[in-house]
Amino acid sequence: MNVIRFDVGDILEMKKNHPCGDNRMRVERVGSDIRVICLGCGRDVTVPRIKLEKGIKKVTKPENGLL
């Protein structure tokens, strides 16, 4: 199994939509549990890394390097 590399501030495009309808999440904290914030509604969610990695379609780095 490959470990997906992402850092704080990265935008994750998920395979499934959040209940609000958006499928993009921003990484807020990295560790064994990952804290992400939905870019559609602002809800923050803490998810185990293994579960989150299975749902990621694409990782996008911030354009200007800022959070």
PDB file of N, CA and C in Angstrom:
ATOM      1  N   MET A   1       0.835  -1.189   0.000  1.00  0.00           N
ATOM      2  CA  MET A   1       0.000   0.000   0.000  1.00  0.00           C
ATOM      3  C   MET A   1       0.873   1.244   0.000  1.00  0.00           C
ATOM      4  N   ASN A   2       0.573   2.179  -0.902  1.00  0.00           N
ATOM      5  CA  ASN A   2       1.333   3.413  -0.997  1.00  0.00           C
ATOM      6  C   ASN A   2       0.791   4.443  -0.012  1.00  0.00           C
ATOM      7  N   VAL A   3       1.715   5.196   0.588  1.00  0.00           N
ATOM      8  CA  VAL A   3       1.325   6.280   1.477  1.00  0.00           C
ATOM      9  C   VAL A   3       1.224   7.547   0.638  1.00  0.00           C
ATOM     10  N   ILE A   4       0.076   8.200   0.701  1.00  0.00           N
ATOM     11  CA  ILE A   4      -0.129   9.436  -0.057  1.00  0.00           C
ATOM     12  C   ILE A   4       0.481  10.589   0.732  1.00  0.00           C
ATOM     13  N   ARG A   5       1.320  11.393   0.088  1.00  0.00           N
ATOM     14  CA  ARG A   5       1.970  12.521   0.740  1.00  0.00           C
ATOM     15  C   ARG A   5       1.111  13.764   0.615  1.00  0.00           C
ATOM     16  N   PHE A   6       0.812  14.393   1.743  1.00  0.00           N
ATOM     17  CA  PHE A   6       0.152  15.693   1.741  1.00  0.00           C
ATOM     18  C   PHE A   6       0.553  16.445   2.994  1.00  0.00           C
ATOM     19  N   ASP A   7       0.505  17.761   2.919  1.00  0.00           N
ATOM     20  CA  ASP A   7       0.924  18.642   4.000  1.00  0.00           C
ATOM     21  C   ASP A   7      -0.226  19.559   4.391  1.00  0.00           C
ATOM     22  N   VAL A   8      -0.042  20.282   5.486  1.00  0.00           N
ATOM     23  CA  VAL A   8      -1.033  21.254   5.923  1.00  0.00           C
ATOM     24  C   VAL A   8      -1.227  22.291   4.820  1.00  0.00           C
ATOM     25  N   GLY A   9      -2.474  22.585   4.508  1.00  0.00           N
ATOM     26  CA  GLY A   9      -2.801  23.562   3.471  1.00  0.00           C
ATOM     27  C   GLY A   9      -3.141  22.951   2.126  1.00  0.00           C
ATOM     28  N   ASP A  10      -2.800  21.682   1.915  1.00  0.00           N
ATOM     29  CA  ASP A  10      -3.117  21.015   0.647  1.00  0.00           C
ATOM     30  C   ASP A  10      -4.633  20.837   0.506  1.00  0.00           C
ATOM     31  N   ILE A  11      -5.105  20.850  -0.730  1.00  0.00           N
ATOM     32  CA  ILE A  11      -6.516  20.626  -1.032  1.00  0.00           C
ATOM     33  C   ILE A  11      -6.668  19.189  -1.517  1.00  0.00           C
ATOM     34  N   LEU A  12      -7.557  18.443  -0.867  1.00  0.00           N
ATOM     35  CA  LEU A  12      -7.811  17.056  -1.243  1.00  0.00           C
ATOM     36  C   LEU A  12      -9.123  16.991  -2.004  1.00  0.00           C
ATOM     37  N   GLU A  13      -9.090  16.397  -3.180  1.00  0.00           N
ATOM     38  CA  GLU A  13     -10.323  16.152  -3.924  1.00  0.00           C
ATOM     39  C   GLU A  13     -10.718  14.708  -3.618  1.00  0.00           C
ATOM     40  N   MET A  14     -11.903  14.543  -3.048  1.00  0.00           N
ATOM     41  CA  MET A  14     -12.355  13.240  -2.583  1.00  0.00           C
ATOM     42  C   MET A  14     -13.163  12.517  -3.665  1.00  0.00           C
ATOM     43  N   LYS A  15     -13.239  11.197  -3.565  1.00  0.00           N
ATOM     44  CA  LYS A  15     -14.015  10.402  -4.509  1.00  0.00           C
ATOM     45  C   LYS A  15     -15.512  10.634  -4.319  1.00  0.00           C
ATOM     46  N   LYS A  16     -15.935  10.805  -3.062  1.00  0.00           N
ATOM     47  CA  LYS A  16     -17.353  11.039  -2.758  1.00  0.00           C
ATOM     48  C   LYS A  16     -17.539  12.452  -2.229  1.00  0.00           C
ATOM     49  N   ASN A  17     -18.709  13.004  -2.473  1.00  0.00           N
ATOM     50  CA  ASN A  17     -19.026  14.347  -1.985  1.00  0.00           C
ATOM     51  C   ASN A  17     -19.346  14.327  -0.497  1.00  0.00           C
ATOM     52  N   HIS A  18     -19.043  15.451   0.154  1.00  0.00           N
ATOM     53  CA  HIS A  18     -19.483  15.697   1.525  1.00  0.00           C
ATOM     54  C   HIS A  18     -20.995  15.928   1.462  1.00  0.00           C
ATOM     55  N   PRO A  19     -21.738  15.726   2.535  1.00  0.00           N
ATOM     56  CA  PRO A  19     -23.192  15.942   2.487  1.00  0.00           C
ATOM     57  C   PRO A  19     -23.617  17.328   1.989  1.00  0.00           C
ATOM     58  N   CYS A  20     -22.747  18.328   2.099  1.00  0.00           N
ATOM     59  CA  CYS A  20     -23.092  19.671   1.603  1.00  0.00           C
ATOM     60  C   CYS A  20     -23.015  19.744   0.080  1.00  0.00           C
ATOM     61  N   GLY A  21     -22.389  18.753  -0.567  1.00  0.00           N
ATOM     62  CA  GLY A  21     -22.315  18.720  -2.025  1.00  0.00           C
ATOM     63  C   GLY A  21     -20.927  18.972  -2.591  1.00  0.00           C
ATOM     64  N   ASP A  22     -19.990  19.485  -1.782  1.00  0.00           N
ATOM     65  CA  ASP A  22     -18.631  19.753  -2.271  1.00  0.00           C
ATOM     66  C   ASP A  22     -17.758  18.525  -2.015  1.00  0.00           C
ATOM     67  N   ASN A  23     -16.745  18.308  -2.861  1.00  0.00           N
ATOM     68  CA  ASN A  23     -15.857  17.163  -2.666  1.00  0.00           C
ATOM     69  C   ASN A  23     -14.419  17.592  -2.390  1.00  0.00           C
ATOM     70  N   ARG A  24     -14.212  18.860  -2.015  1.00  0.00           N
ATOM     71  CA  ARG A  24     -12.866  19.352  -1.734  1.00  0.00           C
ATOM     72  C   ARG A  24     -12.701  19.627  -0.241  1.00  0.00           C
ATOM     73  N   MET A  25     -11.554  19.186   0.306  1.00  0.00           N
ATOM     74  CA  MET A  25     -11.230  19.377   1.715  1.00  0.00           C
ATOM     75  C   MET A  25      -9.829  19.972   1.821  1.00  0.00           C
ATOM     76  N   ARG A  26      -9.628  20.837   2.814  1.00  0.00           N
ATOM     77  CA  ARG A  26      -8.305  21.420   3.065  1.00  0.00           C
ATOM     78  C   ARG A  26      -7.714  20.766   4.316  1.00  0.00           C
ATOM     79  N   VAL A  27      -6.447  20.351   4.245  1.00  0.00           N
ATOM     80  CA  VAL A  27      -5.765  19.689   5.357  1.00  0.00           C
ATOM     81  C   VAL A  27      -5.375  20.744   6.393  1.00  0.00           C
ATOM     82  N   GLU A  28      -5.763  20.505   7.652  1.00  0.00           N
ATOM     83  CA  GLU A  28      -5.443  21.417   8.746  1.00  0.00           C
ATOM     84  C   GLU A  28      -4.407  20.827   9.699  1.00  0.00           C
ATOM     85  N   ARG A  29      -4.404  19.504   9.856  1.00  0.00           N
ATOM     86  CA  ARG A  29      -3.448  18.854  10.743  1.00  0.00           C
ATOM     87  C   ARG A  29      -3.105  17.489  10.183  1.00  0.00           C
ATOM     88  N   VAL A  30      -1.830  17.117  10.303  1.00  0.00           N
ATOM     89  CA  VAL A  30      -1.363  15.843   9.764  1.00  0.00           C
ATOM     90  C   VAL A  30      -0.778  15.013  10.900  1.00  0.00           C
ATOM     91  N   GLY A  31      -1.056  13.729  10.889  1.00  0.00           N
ATOM     92  CA  GLY A  31      -0.543  12.787  11.882  1.00  0.00           C
ATOM     93  C   GLY A  31      -1.178  11.440  11.611  1.00  0.00           C
ATOM     94  N   SER A  32      -1.357  10.629  12.647  1.00  0.00           N
ATOM     95  CA  SER A  32      -2.050   9.356  12.438  1.00  0.00           C
ATOM     96  C   SER A  32      -3.522   9.607  12.165  1.00  0.00           C
ATOM     97  N   ASP A  33      -4.052  10.709  12.708  1.00  0.00           N
ATOM     98  CA  ASP A  33      -5.384  11.203  12.367  1.00  0.00           C
ATOM     99  C   ASP A  33      -5.208  12.510  11.608  1.00  0.00           C
ATOM    100  N   ILE A  34      -5.995  12.723  10.580  1.00  0.00           N
ATOM    101  CA  ILE A  34      -5.892  13.914   9.751  1.00  0.00           C
ATOM    102  C   ILE A  34      -7.106  14.790  10.003  1.00  0.00           C
ATOM    103  N   ARG A  35      -6.879  16.084  10.240  1.00  0.00           N
ATOM    104  CA  ARG A  35      -7.985  17.021  10.402  1.00  0.00           C
ATOM    105  C   ARG A  35      -8.147  17.770   9.093  1.00  0.00           C
ATOM    106  N   VAL A  36      -9.342  17.705   8.521  1.00  0.00           N
ATOM    107  CA  VAL A  36      -9.639  18.389   7.265  1.00  0.00           C
ATOM    108  C   VAL A  36     -10.861  19.280   7.451  1.00  0.00           C
ATOM    109  N   ILE A  37     -10.931  20.329   6.630  1.00  0.00           N
ATOM    110  CA  ILE A  37     -12.070  21.239   6.644  1.00  0.00           C
ATOM    111  C   ILE A  37     -12.699  21.229   5.264  1.00  0.00           C
ATOM    112  N   CYS A  38     -14.023  21.046   5.216  1.00  0.00           N
ATOM    113  CA  CYS A  38     -14.759  21.068   3.954  1.00  0.00           C
ATOM    114  C   CYS A  38     -14.734  22.485   3.398  1.00  0.00           C
ATOM    115  N   LEU A  39     -14.412  22.627   2.125  1.00  0.00           N
ATOM    116  CA  LEU A  39     -14.372  23.955   1.510  1.00  0.00           C
ATOM    117  C   LEU A  39     -15.758  24.452   1.124  1.00  0.00           C
ATOM    118  N   GLY A  40     -16.752  23.580   1.187  1.00  0.00           N
ATOM    119  CA  GLY A  40     -18.114  23.988   0.865  1.00  0.00           C
ATOM    120  C   GLY A  40     -18.837  24.599   2.048  1.00  0.00           C
ATOM    121  N   CYS A  41     -18.812  23.907   3.194  1.00  0.00           N
ATOM    122  CA  CYS A  41     -19.607  24.356   4.342  1.00  0.00           C
ATOM    123  C   CYS A  41     -18.759  24.756   5.544  1.00  0.00           C
ATOM    124  N   GLY A  42     -17.460  24.450   5.544  1.00  0.00           N
ATOM    125  CA  GLY A  42     -16.597  24.841   6.648  1.00  0.00           C
ATOM    126  C   GLY A  42     -16.550  23.857   7.801  1.00  0.00           C
ATOM    127  N   ARG A  43     -17.233  22.736   7.701  1.00  0.00           N
ATOM    128  CA  ARG A  43     -17.242  21.730   8.764  1.00  0.00           C
ATOM    129  C   ARG A  43     -15.857  21.116   8.869  1.00  0.00           C
ATOM    130  N   ASP A  44     -15.353  20.949  10.103  1.00  0.00           N
ATOM    131  CA  ASP A  44     -14.067  20.269  10.231  1.00  0.00           C
ATOM    132  C   ASP A  44     -14.289  18.848  10.737  1.00  0.00           C
ATOM    133  N   VAL A  45     -13.465  17.941  10.221  1.00  0.00           N
ATOM    134  CA  VAL A  45     -13.607  16.514  10.483  1.00  0.00           C
ATOM    135  C   VAL A  45     -12.219  15.950  10.765  1.00  0.00           C
ATOM    136  N   THR A  46     -12.120  15.105  11.784  1.00  0.00           N
ATOM    137  CA  THR A  46     -10.881  14.389  12.049  1.00  0.00           C
ATOM    138  C   THR A  46     -11.107  12.933  11.663  1.00  0.00           C
ATOM    139  N   VAL A  47     -10.244  12.436  10.757  1.00  0.00           N
ATOM    140  CA  VAL A  47     -10.416  11.111  10.177  1.00  0.00           C
ATOM    141  C   VAL A  47      -9.105  10.340  10.311  1.00  0.00           C
ATOM    142  N   PRO A  48      -9.157   9.030  10.626  1.00  0.00           N
ATOM    143  CA  PRO A  48      -7.921   8.239  10.610  1.00  0.00           C
ATOM    144  C   PRO A  48      -7.280   8.275   9.222  1.00  0.00           C
ATOM    145  N   ARG A  49      -5.952   8.340   9.183  1.00  0.00           N
ATOM    146  CA  ARG A  49      -5.210   8.467   7.924  1.00  0.00           C
ATOM    147  C   ARG A  49      -5.580   7.369   6.925  1.00  0.00           C
ATOM    148  N   ILE A  50      -5.679   6.138   7.368  1.00  0.00           N
ATOM    149  CA  ILE A  50      -5.958   5.012   6.462  1.00  0.00           C
ATOM    150  C   ILE A  50      -7.302   5.202   5.772  1.00  0.00           C
ATOM    151  N   LYS A  51      -8.322   5.588   6.528  1.00  0.00           N
ATOM    152  CA  LYS A  51      -9.649   5.785   5.956  1.00  0.00           C
ATOM    153  C   LYS A  51      -9.648   6.962   4.975  1.00  0.00           C
ATOM    154  N   LEU A  52      -8.967   8.047   5.331  1.00  0.00           N
ATOM    155  CA  LEU A  52      -8.925   9.227   4.457  1.00  0.00           C
ATOM    156  C   LEU A  52      -8.200   8.918   3.148  1.00  0.00           C
ATOM    157  N   GLU A  53      -7.070   8.205   3.221  1.00  0.00           N
ATOM    158  CA  GLU A  53      -6.288   7.901   2.018  1.00  0.00           C
ATOM    159  C   GLU A  53      -7.089   7.080   1.007  1.00  0.00           C
ATOM    160  N   LYS A  54      -7.980   6.219   1.473  1.00  0.00           N
ATOM    161  CA  LYS A  54      -8.794   5.421   0.564  1.00  0.00           C
ATOM    162  C   LYS A  54      -9.783   6.271  -0.218  1.00  0.00           C
ATOM    163  N   GLY A  55     -10.170   7.429   0.317  1.00  0.00           N
ATOM    164  CA  GLY A  55     -11.172   8.264  -0.327  1.00  0.00           C
ATOM    165  C   GLY A  55     -10.623   9.395  -1.172  1.00  0.00           C
ATOM    166  N   ILE A  56      -9.291   9.542  -1.243  1.00  0.00           N
ATOM    167  CA  ILE A  56      -8.689  10.662  -1.983  1.00  0.00           C
ATOM    168  C   ILE A  56      -8.581  10.329  -3.468  1.00  0.00           C
ATOM    169  N   LYS A  57      -9.029  11.273  -4.293  1.00  0.00           N
ATOM    170  CA  LYS A  57      -8.885  11.148  -5.744  1.00  0.00           C
ATOM    171  C   LYS A  57      -7.640  11.902  -6.216  1.00  0.00           C
ATOM    172  N   LYS A  58      -7.430  13.130  -5.662  1.00  0.00           N
ATOM    173  CA  LYS A  58      -6.318  13.958  -6.121  1.00  0.00           C
ATOM    174  C   LYS A  58      -5.886  14.907  -5.008  1.00  0.00           C
ATOM    175  N   VAL A  59      -4.563  15.200  -4.924  1.00  0.00           N
ATOM    176  CA  VAL A  59      -4.014  16.150  -3.965  1.00  0.00           C
ATOM    177  C   VAL A  59      -3.491  17.350  -4.738  1.00  0.00           C
ATOM    178  N   THR A  60      -3.912  18.553  -4.337  1.00  0.00           N
ATOM    179  CA  THR A  60      -3.482  19.783  -5.001  1.00  0.00           C
ATOM    180  C   THR A  60      -2.754  20.657  -3.984  1.00  0.00           C
ATOM    181  N   LYS A  61      -1.555  21.118  -4.355  1.00  0.00           N
ATOM    182  CA  LYS A  61      -0.813  22.032  -3.500  1.00  0.00           C
ATOM    183  C   LYS A  61      -1.381  23.437  -3.668  1.00  0.00           C
ATOM    184  N   PRO A  62      -1.324  24.271  -2.608  1.00  0.00           N
ATOM    185  CA  PRO A  62      -1.811  25.662  -2.744  1.00  0.00           C
ATOM    186  C   PRO A  62      -0.995  26.405  -3.804  1.00  0.00           C
ATOM    187  N   GLU A  63      -1.664  27.246  -4.588  1.00  0.00           N
ATOM    188  CA  GLU A  63      -1.008  27.936  -5.707  1.00  0.00           C
ATOM    189  C   GLU A  63       0.076  28.908  -5.251  1.00  0.00           C
ATOM    190  N   ASN A  64      -0.217  29.680  -4.198  1.00  0.00           N
ATOM    191  CA  ASN A  64       0.743  30.706  -3.787  1.00  0.00           C
ATOM    192  C   ASN A  64       1.577  30.278  -2.595  1.00  0.00           C
ATOM    193  N   GLY A  65       1.441  29.061  -2.125  1.00  0.00           N
ATOM    194  CA  GLY A  65       2.237  28.571  -1.016  1.00  0.00           C
ATOM    195  C   GLY A  65       1.718  28.991   0.346  1.00  0.00           C
ATOM    196  N   LEU A  66       0.619  29.728   0.375  1.00  0.00           N
ATOM    197  CA  LEU A  66       0.037  30.165   1.632  1.00  0.00           C
ATOM    198  C   LEU A  66      -1.087  29.247   2.043  1.00  0.00           C
ATOM    199  N   LEU A  67      -1.414  29.259   3.334  1.00  0.00           N
ATOM    200  CA  LEU A  67      -2.517  28.418   3.827  1.00  0.00           C
ATOM    201  C   LEU A  67      -3.787  29.012   3.433  1.00  0.00           C
TER     202      LEU A  67
END
